[in-house]
Amino acid sequence: MKVDVEKKLVQINGEVLLDAKDGKAVPVILKNILVNAILLPKEKESGVDKVKKYELAKLIYTGGEVDLGAEDITLIKACVGEGYAPLIVGQVFEILK
């Protein structure tokens, strides 16, 4: 599945969701959410799993349209679901249908 990871996430009212960075309001970008979620440490995770997540995060961080397999999408959904609030999780799951 091809996913545009440069997509801006929105608030519930449809306005672009903003985050503070260096004292400025910047849009929340899908790739940053995905990379941060994937790289969150988990208890009892094998080195092999960590390397797989690292490689996936590098691929997503390159930006643009990224081709993700079913296994990648399942992993991303699990990571985002554990690490973020419903506003973010809902949008990520909609994008990664």
PDB file of N, CA and C in Angstrom:
ATOM      1  N   MET A   1       0.846  -1.169   0.000  1.00  0.00           N
ATOM      2  CA  MET A   1       0.000   0.000   0.000  1.00  0.00           C
ATOM      3  C   MET A   1       0.893   1.234   0.000  1.00  0.00           C
ATOM      4  N   LYS A   2       0.629   2.136  -0.916  1.00  0.00           N
ATOM      5  CA  LYS A   2       1.386   3.395  -0.976  1.00  0.00           C
ATOM      6  C   LYS A   2       0.733   4.408  -0.048  1.00  0.00           C
ATOM      7  N   VAL A   3       1.561   5.031   0.796  1.00  0.00           N
ATOM      8  CA  VAL A   3       1.067   5.991   1.785  1.00  0.00           C
ATOM      9  C   VAL A   3       1.879   7.273   1.675  1.00  0.00           C
ATOM     10  N   ASP A   4       1.169   8.393   1.550  1.00  0.00           N
ATOM     11  CA  ASP A   4       1.829   9.699   1.548  1.00  0.00           C
ATOM     12  C   ASP A   4       2.099  10.078   2.996  1.00  0.00           C
ATOM     13  N   VAL A   5       3.328   9.913   3.436  1.00  0.00           N
ATOM     14  CA  VAL A   5       3.672  10.156   4.841  1.00  0.00           C
ATOM     15  C   VAL A   5       3.903  11.638   5.140  1.00  0.00           C
ATOM     16  N   GLU A   6       3.752  12.484   4.136  1.00  0.00           N
ATOM     17  CA  GLU A   6       3.879  13.934   4.346  1.00  0.00           C
ATOM     18  C   GLU A   6       2.516  14.569   4.678  1.00  0.00           C
ATOM     19  N   LYS A   7       1.483  13.751   4.770  1.00  0.00           N
ATOM     20  CA  LYS A   7       0.128  14.241   5.045  1.00  0.00           C
ATOM     21  C   LYS A   7       0.079  14.942   6.402  1.00  0.00           C
ATOM     22  N   LYS A   8      -0.631  16.072   6.436  1.00  0.00           N
ATOM     23  CA  LYS A   8      -0.826  16.809   7.685  1.00  0.00           C
ATOM     24  C   LYS A   8      -2.056  16.253   8.396  1.00  0.00           C
ATOM     25  N   LEU A   9      -1.930  16.047   9.694  1.00  0.00           N
ATOM     26  CA  LEU A   9      -3.067  15.596  10.475  1.00  0.00           C
ATOM     27  C   LEU A   9      -3.905  16.801  10.888  1.00  0.00           C
ATOM     28  N   VAL A  10      -5.157  16.541  11.219  1.00  0.00           N
ATOM     29  CA  VAL A  10      -6.088  17.633  11.508  1.00  0.00           C
ATOM     30  C   VAL A  10      -6.744  17.459  12.876  1.00  0.00           C
ATOM     31  N   GLN A  11      -7.281  18.583  13.369  1.00  0.00           N
ATOM     32  CA  GLN A  11      -8.082  18.549  14.581  1.00  0.00           C
ATOM     33  C   GLN A  11      -9.449  17.981  14.232  1.00  0.00           C
ATOM     34  N   ILE A  12     -10.274  17.763  15.225  1.00  0.00           N
ATOM     35  CA  ILE A  12     -11.592  17.177  14.993  1.00  0.00           C
ATOM     36  C   ILE A  12     -12.463  18.073  14.113  1.00  0.00           C
ATOM     37  N   ASN A  13     -12.179  19.385  14.109  1.00  0.00           N
ATOM     38  CA  ASN A  13     -12.948  20.324  13.283  1.00  0.00           C
ATOM     39  C   ASN A  13     -12.388  20.473  11.869  1.00  0.00           C
ATOM     40  N   GLY A  14     -11.339  19.725  11.545  1.00  0.00           N
ATOM     41  CA  GLY A  14     -10.776  19.750  10.197  1.00  0.00           C
ATOM     42  C   GLY A  14      -9.612  20.706  10.009  1.00  0.00           C
ATOM     43  N   GLU A  15      -9.342  21.549  11.003  1.00  0.00           N
ATOM     44  CA  GLU A  15      -8.196  22.462  10.905  1.00  0.00           C
ATOM     45  C   GLU A  15      -6.905  21.681  11.130  1.00  0.00           C
ATOM     46  N   VAL A  16      -5.831  22.147  10.527  1.00  0.00           N
ATOM     47  CA  VAL A  16      -4.540  21.474  10.659  1.00  0.00           C
ATOM     48  C   VAL A  16      -4.134  21.437  12.130  1.00  0.00           C
ATOM     49  N   LEU A  17      -3.727  20.265  12.577  1.00  0.00           N
ATOM     50  CA  LEU A  17      -3.264  20.065  13.949  1.00  0.00           C
ATOM     51  C   LEU A  17      -1.858  20.636  14.069  1.00  0.00           C
ATOM     52  N   LEU A  18      -1.638  21.463  15.074  1.00  0.00           N
ATOM     53  CA  LEU A  18      -0.344  22.113  15.251  1.00  0.00           C
ATOM     54  C   LEU A  18       0.340  21.623  16.511  1.00  0.00           C
ATOM     55  N   ASP A  19       1.669  21.649  16.473  1.00  0.00           N
ATOM     56  CA  ASP A  19       2.499  21.284  17.616  1.00  0.00           C
ATOM     57  C   ASP A  19       3.543  22.374  17.783  1.00  0.00           C
ATOM     58  N   ALA A  20       4.058  22.534  18.981  1.00  0.00           N
ATOM     59  CA  ALA A  20       5.085  23.541  19.234  1.00  0.00           C
ATOM     60  C   ALA A  20       6.469  22.940  18.976  1.00  0.00           C
ATOM     61  N   LYS A  21       7.260  23.656  18.182  1.00  0.00           N
ATOM     62  CA  LYS A  21       8.631  23.227  17.911  1.00  0.00           C
ATOM     63  C   LYS A  21       9.498  24.474  17.860  1.00  0.00           C
ATOM     64  N   ASP A  22      10.471  24.542  18.742  1.00  0.00           N
ATOM     65  CA  ASP A  22      11.362  25.699  18.822  1.00  0.00           C
ATOM     66  C   ASP A  22      10.581  27.003  18.972  1.00  0.00           C
ATOM     67  N   GLY A  23       9.519  26.946  19.767  1.00  0.00           N
ATOM     68  CA  GLY A  23       8.731  28.141  20.016  1.00  0.00           C
ATOM     69  C   GLY A  23       7.791  28.539  18.895  1.00  0.00           C
ATOM     70  N   LYS A  24       7.670  27.701  17.877  1.00  0.00           N
ATOM     71  CA  LYS A  24       6.795  27.993  16.738  1.00  0.00           C
ATOM     72  C   LYS A  24       5.736  26.896  16.621  1.00  0.00           C
ATOM     73  N   ALA A  25       4.582  27.267  16.077  1.00  0.00           N
ATOM     74  CA  ALA A  25       3.538  26.291  15.795  1.00  0.00           C
ATOM     75  C   ALA A  25       3.787  25.683  14.422  1.00  0.00           C
ATOM     76  N   VAL A  26       3.935  24.363  14.389  1.00  0.00           N
ATOM     77  CA  VAL A  26       4.184  23.658  13.128  1.00  0.00           C
ATOM     78  C   VAL A  26       3.137  22.563  12.949  1.00  0.00           C
ATOM     79  N   PRO A  27       2.784  22.252  11.701  1.00  0.00           N
ATOM     80  CA  PRO A  27       1.804  21.183  11.467  1.00  0.00           C
ATOM     81  C   PRO A  27       2.321  19.826  11.939  1.00  0.00           C
ATOM     82  N   VAL A  28       1.407  19.005  12.407  1.00  0.00           N
ATOM     83  CA  VAL A  28       1.738  17.633  12.771  1.00  0.00           C
ATOM     84  C   VAL A  28       1.690  16.807  11.489  1.00  0.00           C
ATOM     85  N   ILE A  29       2.826  16.202  11.158  1.00  0.00           N
ATOM     86  CA  ILE A  29       2.979  15.444   9.916  1.00  0.00           C
ATOM     87  C   ILE A  29       2.942  13.944  10.220  1.00  0.00           C
ATOM     88  N   LEU A  30       2.250  13.188   9.384  1.00  0.00           N
ATOM     89  CA  LEU A  30       2.090  11.751   9.579  1.00  0.00           C
ATOM     90  C   LEU A  30       3.420  11.043   9.795  1.00  0.00           C
ATOM     91  N   LYS A  31       4.428  11.351   8.987  1.00  0.00           N
ATOM     92  CA  LYS A  31       5.683  10.600   9.099  1.00  0.00           C
ATOM     93  C   LYS A  31       6.314  10.759  10.477  1.00  0.00           C
ATOM     94  N   ASN A  32       6.181  11.933  11.081  1.00  0.00           N
ATOM     95  CA  ASN A  32       6.760  12.134  12.408  1.00  0.00           C
ATOM     96  C   ASN A  32       6.034  11.300  13.461  1.00  0.00           C
ATOM     97  N   ILE A  33       4.716  11.220  13.341  1.00  0.00           N
ATOM     98  CA  ILE A  33       3.932  10.385  14.255  1.00  0.00           C
ATOM     99  C   ILE A  33       4.344   8.928  14.104  1.00  0.00           C
ATOM    100  N   LEU A  34       4.429   8.457  12.869  1.00  0.00           N
ATOM    101  CA  LEU A  34       4.762   7.053  12.626  1.00  0.00           C
ATOM    102  C   LEU A  34       6.153   6.714  13.124  1.00  0.00           C
ATOM    103  N   VAL A  35       7.124   7.537  12.800  1.00  0.00           N
ATOM    104  CA  VAL A  35       8.508   7.272  13.216  1.00  0.00           C
ATOM    105  C   VAL A  35       8.616   7.285  14.735  1.00  0.00           C
ATOM    106  N   ASN A  36       8.018   8.280  15.380  1.00  0.00           N
ATOM    107  CA  ASN A  36       8.087   8.344  16.842  1.00  0.00           C
ATOM    108  C   ASN A  36       7.433   7.129  17.487  1.00  0.00           C
ATOM    109  N   ALA A  37       6.288   6.715  16.968  1.00  0.00           N
ATOM    110  CA  ALA A  37       5.588   5.554  17.530  1.00  0.00           C
ATOM    111  C   ALA A  37       6.401   4.275  17.351  1.00  0.00           C
ATOM    112  N   ILE A  38       6.971   4.104  16.177  1.00  0.00           N
ATOM    113  CA  ILE A  38       7.746   2.893  15.890  1.00  0.00           C
ATOM    114  C   ILE A  38       8.984   2.802  16.779  1.00  0.00           C
ATOM    115  N   LEU A  39       9.594   3.933  17.045  1.00  0.00           N
ATOM    116  CA  LEU A  39      10.851   3.932  17.806  1.00  0.00           C
ATOM    117  C   LEU A  39      10.669   3.982  19.325  1.00  0.00           C
ATOM    118  N   LEU A  40       9.417   4.042  19.799  1.00  0.00           N
ATOM    119  CA  LEU A  40       9.198   3.988  21.241  1.00  0.00           C
ATOM    120  C   LEU A  40       9.647   2.624  21.759  1.00  0.00           C
ATOM    121  N   PRO A  41      10.468   2.607  22.807  1.00  0.00           N
ATOM    122  CA  PRO A  41      10.938   1.314  23.328  1.00  0.00           C
ATOM    123  C   PRO A  41       9.810   0.518  23.982  1.00  0.00           C
ATOM    124  N   LYS A  42       9.887  -0.779  23.847  1.00  0.00           N
ATOM    125  CA  LYS A  42       8.920  -1.689  24.442  1.00  0.00           C
ATOM    126  C   LYS A  42       9.675  -2.685  25.320  1.00  0.00           C
ATOM    127  N   GLU A  43       9.023  -3.139  26.373  1.00  0.00           N
ATOM    128  CA  GLU A  43       9.638  -4.143  27.232  1.00  0.00           C
ATOM    129  C   GLU A  43       9.726  -5.480  26.501  1.00  0.00           C
ATOM    130  N   LYS A  44      10.771  -6.205  26.791  1.00  0.00           N
ATOM    131  CA  LYS A  44      10.951  -7.568  26.266  1.00  0.00           C
ATOM    132  C   LYS A  44      10.840  -7.635  24.748  1.00  0.00           C
ATOM    133  N   GLU A  45      11.529  -6.731  24.080  1.00  0.00           N
ATOM    134  CA  GLU A  45      11.548  -6.721  22.616  1.00  0.00           C
ATOM    135  C   GLU A  45      12.911  -7.232  22.164  1.00  0.00           C
ATOM    136  N   SER A  46      12.916  -8.161  21.226  1.00  0.00           N
ATOM    137  CA  SER A  46      14.171  -8.748  20.776  1.00  0.00           C
ATOM    138  C   SER A  46      14.978  -7.763  19.931  1.00  0.00           C
ATOM    139  N   GLY A  47      16.246  -8.030  19.828  1.00  0.00           N
ATOM    140  CA  GLY A  47      17.104  -7.217  18.973  1.00  0.00           C
ATOM    141  C   GLY A  47      16.652  -7.257  17.521  1.00  0.00           C
ATOM    142  N   VAL A  48      16.193  -8.410  17.076  1.00  0.00           N
ATOM    143  CA  VAL A  48      15.718  -8.560  15.699  1.00  0.00           C
ATOM    144  C   VAL A  48      14.513  -7.658  15.468  1.00  0.00           C
ATOM    145  N   ASP A  49      13.587  -7.628  16.421  1.00  0.00           N
ATOM    146  CA  ASP A  49      12.409  -6.770  16.286  1.00  0.00           C
ATOM    147  C   ASP A  49      12.804  -5.298  16.296  1.00  0.00           C
ATOM    148  N   LYS A  50      13.764  -4.947  17.125  1.00  0.00           N
ATOM    149  CA  LYS A  50      14.223  -3.556  17.182  1.00  0.00           C
ATOM    150  C   LYS A  50      14.843  -3.118  15.860  1.00  0.00           C
ATOM    151  N   VAL A  51      15.624  -3.996  15.253  1.00  0.00           N
ATOM    152  CA  VAL A  51      16.246  -3.667  13.969  1.00  0.00           C
ATOM    153  C   VAL A  51      15.177  -3.536  12.886  1.00  0.00           C
ATOM    154  N   LYS A  52      14.173  -4.413  12.896  1.00  0.00           N
ATOM    155  CA  LYS A  52      13.079  -4.335  11.919  1.00  0.00           C
ATOM    156  C   LYS A  52      12.356  -2.987  12.048  1.00  0.00           C
ATOM    157  N   LYS A  53      12.094  -2.570  13.282  1.00  0.00           N
ATOM    158  CA  LYS A  53      11.428  -1.297  13.519  1.00  0.00           C
ATOM    159  C   LYS A  53      12.320  -0.131  13.096  1.00  0.00           C
ATOM    160  N   TYR A  54      13.602  -0.232  13.353  1.00  0.00           N
ATOM    161  CA  TYR A  54      14.553   0.811  12.950  1.00  0.00           C
ATOM    162  C   TYR A  54      14.554   0.975  11.429  1.00  0.00           C
ATOM    163  N   GLU A  55      14.606  -0.117  10.707  1.00  0.00           N
ATOM    164  CA  GLU A  55      14.611  -0.075   9.238  1.00  0.00           C
ATOM    165  C   GLU A  55      13.305   0.517   8.701  1.00  0.00           C
ATOM    166  N   LEU A  56      12.187   0.152   9.302  1.00  0.00           N
ATOM    167  CA  LEU A  56      10.897   0.695   8.890  1.00  0.00           C
ATOM    168  C   LEU A  56      10.839   2.201   9.155  1.00  0.00           C
ATOM    169  N   ALA A  57      11.335   2.621  10.302  1.00  0.00           N
ATOM    170  CA  ALA A  57      11.354   4.054  10.632  1.00  0.00           C
ATOM    171  C   ALA A  57      12.214   4.829   9.633  1.00  0.00           C
ATOM    172  N   LYS A  58      13.356   4.271   9.246  1.00  0.00           N
ATOM    173  CA  LYS A  58      14.209   4.935   8.257  1.00  0.00           C
ATOM    174  C   LYS A  58      13.490   5.076   6.917  1.00  0.00           C
ATOM    175  N   LEU A  59      12.799   4.031   6.506  1.00  0.00           N
ATOM    176  CA  LEU A  59      12.051   4.062   5.244  1.00  0.00           C
ATOM    177  C   LEU A  59      10.984   5.158   5.275  1.00  0.00           C
ATOM    178  N   ILE A  60      10.229   5.211   6.343  1.00  0.00           N
ATOM    179  CA  ILE A  60       9.164   6.212   6.465  1.00  0.00           C
ATOM    180  C   ILE A  60       9.745   7.611   6.517  1.00  0.00           C
ATOM    181  N   TYR A  61      10.847   7.780   7.210  1.00  0.00           N
ATOM    182  CA  TYR A  61      11.424   9.112   7.386  1.00  0.00           C
ATOM    183  C   TYR A  61      11.912   9.713   6.063  1.00  0.00           C
ATOM    184  N   THR A  62      12.190   8.866   5.071  1.00  0.00           N
ATOM    185  CA  THR A  62      12.626   9.397   3.771  1.00  0.00           C
ATOM    186  C   THR A  62      11.545  10.282   3.169  1.00  0.00           C
ATOM    187  N   GLY A  63      10.288  10.046   3.568  1.00  0.00           N
ATOM    188  CA  GLY A  63       9.191  10.910   3.160  1.00  0.00           C
ATOM    189  C   GLY A  63       8.604  10.551   1.818  1.00  0.00           C
ATOM    190  N   GLY A  64       7.675  11.391   1.391  1.00  0.00           N
ATOM    191  CA  GLY A  64       6.997  11.177   0.119  1.00  0.00           C
ATOM    192  C   GLY A  64       5.996  10.052   0.216  1.00  0.00           C
ATOM    193  N   GLU A  65       5.870   9.318  -0.863  1.00  0.00           N
ATOM    194  CA  GLU A  65       4.963   8.183  -0.895  1.00  0.00           C
ATOM    195  C   GLU A  65       5.762   6.922  -0.598  1.00  0.00           C
ATOM    196  N   VAL A  66       5.394   6.238   0.471  1.00  0.00           N
ATOM    197  CA  VAL A  66       6.132   5.061   0.930  1.00  0.00           C
ATOM    198  C   VAL A  66       5.268   3.824   0.710  1.00  0.00           C
ATOM    199  N   ASP A  67       5.881   2.759   0.195  1.00  0.00           N
ATOM    200  CA  ASP A  67       5.168   1.506  -0.034  1.00  0.00           C
ATOM    201  C   ASP A  67       5.289   0.641   1.217  1.00  0.00           C
ATOM    202  N   LEU A  68       4.153   0.398   1.881  1.00  0.00           N
ATOM    203  CA  LEU A  68       4.139  -0.379   3.113  1.00  0.00           C
ATOM    204  C   LEU A  68       3.386  -1.685   2.900  1.00  0.00           C
ATOM    205  N   GLY A  69       3.970  -2.752   3.398  1.00  0.00           N
ATOM    206  CA  GLY A  69       3.322  -4.057   3.325  1.00  0.00           C
ATOM    207  C   GLY A  69       2.340  -4.248   4.466  1.00  0.00           C
ATOM    208  N   ALA A  70       1.553  -5.309   4.385  1.00  0.00           N
ATOM    209  CA  ALA A  70       0.537  -5.595   5.402  1.00  0.00           C
ATOM    210  C   ALA A  70       1.163  -5.763   6.788  1.00  0.00           C
ATOM    211  N   GLU A  71       2.307  -6.423   6.860  1.00  0.00           N
ATOM    212  CA  GLU A  71       2.994  -6.625   8.139  1.00  0.00           C
ATOM    213  C   GLU A  71       3.463  -5.285   8.715  1.00  0.00           C
ATOM    214  N   ASP A  72       3.967  -4.411   7.859  1.00  0.00           N
ATOM    215  CA  ASP A  72       4.402  -3.077   8.299  1.00  0.00           C
ATOM    216  C   ASP A  72       3.220  -2.284   8.865  1.00  0.00           C
ATOM    217  N   ILE A  73       2.102  -2.339   8.172  1.00  0.00           N
ATOM    218  CA  ILE A  73       0.917  -1.589   8.596  1.00  0.00           C
ATOM    219  C   ILE A  73       0.410  -2.103   9.939  1.00  0.00           C
ATOM    220  N   THR A  74       0.409  -3.416  10.115  1.00  0.00           N
ATOM    221  CA  THR A  74      -0.013  -3.998  11.389  1.00  0.00           C
ATOM    222  C   THR A  74       0.892  -3.531  12.524  1.00  0.00           C
ATOM    223  N   LEU A  75       2.187  -3.529  12.281  1.00  0.00           N
ATOM    224  CA  LEU A  75       3.149  -3.077  13.290  1.00  0.00           C
ATOM    225  C   LEU A  75       2.946  -1.598  13.601  1.00  0.00           C
ATOM    226  N   ILE A  76       2.790  -0.787  12.582  1.00  0.00           N
ATOM    227  CA  ILE A  76       2.601   0.656  12.775  1.00  0.00           C
ATOM    228  C   ILE A  76       1.343   0.918  13.592  1.00  0.00           C
ATOM    229  N   LYS A  77       0.238   0.261  13.241  1.00  0.00           N
ATOM    230  CA  LYS A  77      -1.010   0.460  13.969  1.00  0.00           C
ATOM    231  C   LYS A  77      -0.854   0.089  15.436  1.00  0.00           C
ATOM    232  N   ALA A  78      -0.167  -1.007  15.713  1.00  0.00           N
ATOM    233  CA  ALA A  78       0.038  -1.419  17.105  1.00  0.00           C
ATOM    234  C   ALA A  78       0.849  -0.377  17.864  1.00  0.00           C
ATOM    235  N   CYS A  79       1.899   0.134  17.242  1.00  0.00           N
ATOM    236  CA  CYS A  79       2.762   1.119  17.899  1.00  0.00           C
ATOM    237  C   CYS A  79       2.033   2.445  18.121  1.00  0.00           C
ATOM    238  N   VAL A  80       1.335   2.915  17.110  1.00  0.00           N
ATOM    239  CA  VAL A  80       0.599   4.179  17.228  1.00  0.00           C
ATOM    240  C   VAL A  80      -0.519   4.029  18.252  1.00  0.00           C
ATOM    241  N   GLY A  81      -1.208   2.902  18.231  1.00  0.00           N
ATOM    242  CA  GLY A  81      -2.303   2.651  19.157  1.00  0.00           C
ATOM    243  C   GLY A  81      -1.867   2.681  20.611  1.00  0.00           C
ATOM    244  N   GLU A  82      -0.646   2.244  20.877  1.00  0.00           N
ATOM    245  CA  GLU A  82      -0.129   2.233  22.246  1.00  0.00           C
ATOM    246  C   GLU A  82       0.403   3.586  22.681  1.00  0.00           C
ATOM    247  N   GLY A  83       0.859   4.394  21.729  1.00  0.00           N
ATOM    248  CA  GLY A  83       1.600   5.595  22.100  1.00  0.00           C
ATOM    249  C   GLY A  83       0.882   6.918  21.953  1.00  0.00           C
ATOM    250  N   TYR A  84      -0.307   6.931  21.342  1.00  0.00           N
ATOM    251  CA  TYR A  84      -0.953   8.207  21.046  1.00  0.00           C
ATOM    252  C   TYR A  84      -2.409   8.244  21.474  1.00  0.00           C
ATOM    253  N   ALA A  85      -2.939   9.460  21.523  1.00  0.00           N
ATOM    254  CA  ALA A  85      -4.330   9.720  21.899  1.00  0.00           C
ATOM    255  C   ALA A  85      -5.274   9.371  20.743  1.00  0.00           C
ATOM    256  N   PRO A  86      -6.573   9.226  21.038  1.00  0.00           N
ATOM    257  CA  PRO A  86      -7.537   8.834  20.014  1.00  0.00           C
ATOM    258  C   PRO A  86      -7.568   9.723  18.767  1.00  0.00           C
ATOM    259  N   LEU A  87      -7.345  11.023  18.893  1.00  0.00           N
ATOM    260  CA  LEU A  87      -7.360  11.913  17.729  1.00  0.00           C
ATOM    261  C   LEU A  87      -6.305  11.502  16.702  1.00  0.00           C
ATOM    262  N   ILE A  88      -5.137  11.135  17.176  1.00  0.00           N
ATOM    263  CA  ILE A  88      -4.042  10.706  16.295  1.00  0.00           C
ATOM    264  C   ILE A  88      -4.290   9.280  15.808  1.00  0.00           C
ATOM    265  N   VAL A  89      -4.620   8.392  16.738  1.00  0.00           N
ATOM    266  CA  VAL A  89      -4.824   6.984  16.397  1.00  0.00           C
ATOM    267  C   VAL A  89      -5.920   6.845  15.342  1.00  0.00           C
ATOM    268  N   GLY A  90      -7.025   7.538  15.520  1.00  0.00           N
ATOM    269  CA  GLY A  90      -8.119   7.453  14.559  1.00  0.00           C
ATOM    270  C   GLY A  90      -7.711   7.847  13.160  1.00  0.00           C
ATOM    271  N   GLN A  91      -6.968   8.946  13.050  1.00  0.00           N
ATOM    272  CA  GLN A  91      -6.543   9.390  11.725  1.00  0.00           C
ATOM    273  C   GLN A  91      -5.541   8.436  11.094  1.00  0.00           C
ATOM    274  N   VAL A  92      -4.595   7.956  11.886  1.00  0.00           N
ATOM    275  CA  VAL A  92      -3.602   7.008  11.353  1.00  0.00           C
ATOM    276  C   VAL A  92      -4.288   5.744  10.868  1.00  0.00           C
ATOM    277  N   PHE A  93      -5.228   5.220  11.651  1.00  0.00           N
ATOM    278  CA  PHE A  93      -5.919   4.002  11.245  1.00  0.00           C
ATOM    279  C   PHE A  93      -6.747   4.245   9.978  1.00  0.00           C
ATOM    280  N   GLU A  94      -7.368   5.415   9.841  1.00  0.00           N
ATOM    281  CA  GLU A  94      -8.116   5.731   8.614  1.00  0.00           C
ATOM    282  C   GLU A  94      -7.199   5.768   7.405  1.00  0.00           C
ATOM    283  N   ILE A  95      -6.036   6.374   7.570  1.00  0.00           N
ATOM    284  CA  ILE A  95      -5.073   6.497   6.466  1.00  0.00           C
ATOM    285  C   ILE A  95      -4.540   5.124   6.068  1.00  0.00           C
ATOM    286  N   LEU A  96      -4.324   4.260   7.051  1.00  0.00           N
ATOM    287  CA  LEU A  96      -3.709   2.945   6.798  1.00  0.00           C
ATOM    288  C   LEU A  96      -4.726   1.823   6.639  1.00  0.00           C
ATOM    289  N   LYS A  97      -5.912   2.119   6.140  1.00  0.00           N
ATOM    290  CA  LYS A  97      -6.946   1.087   5.937  1.00  0.00           C
ATOM    291  C   LYS A  97      -6.464   0.020   5.005  1.00  0.00           C
TER     292      LYS A  97
END
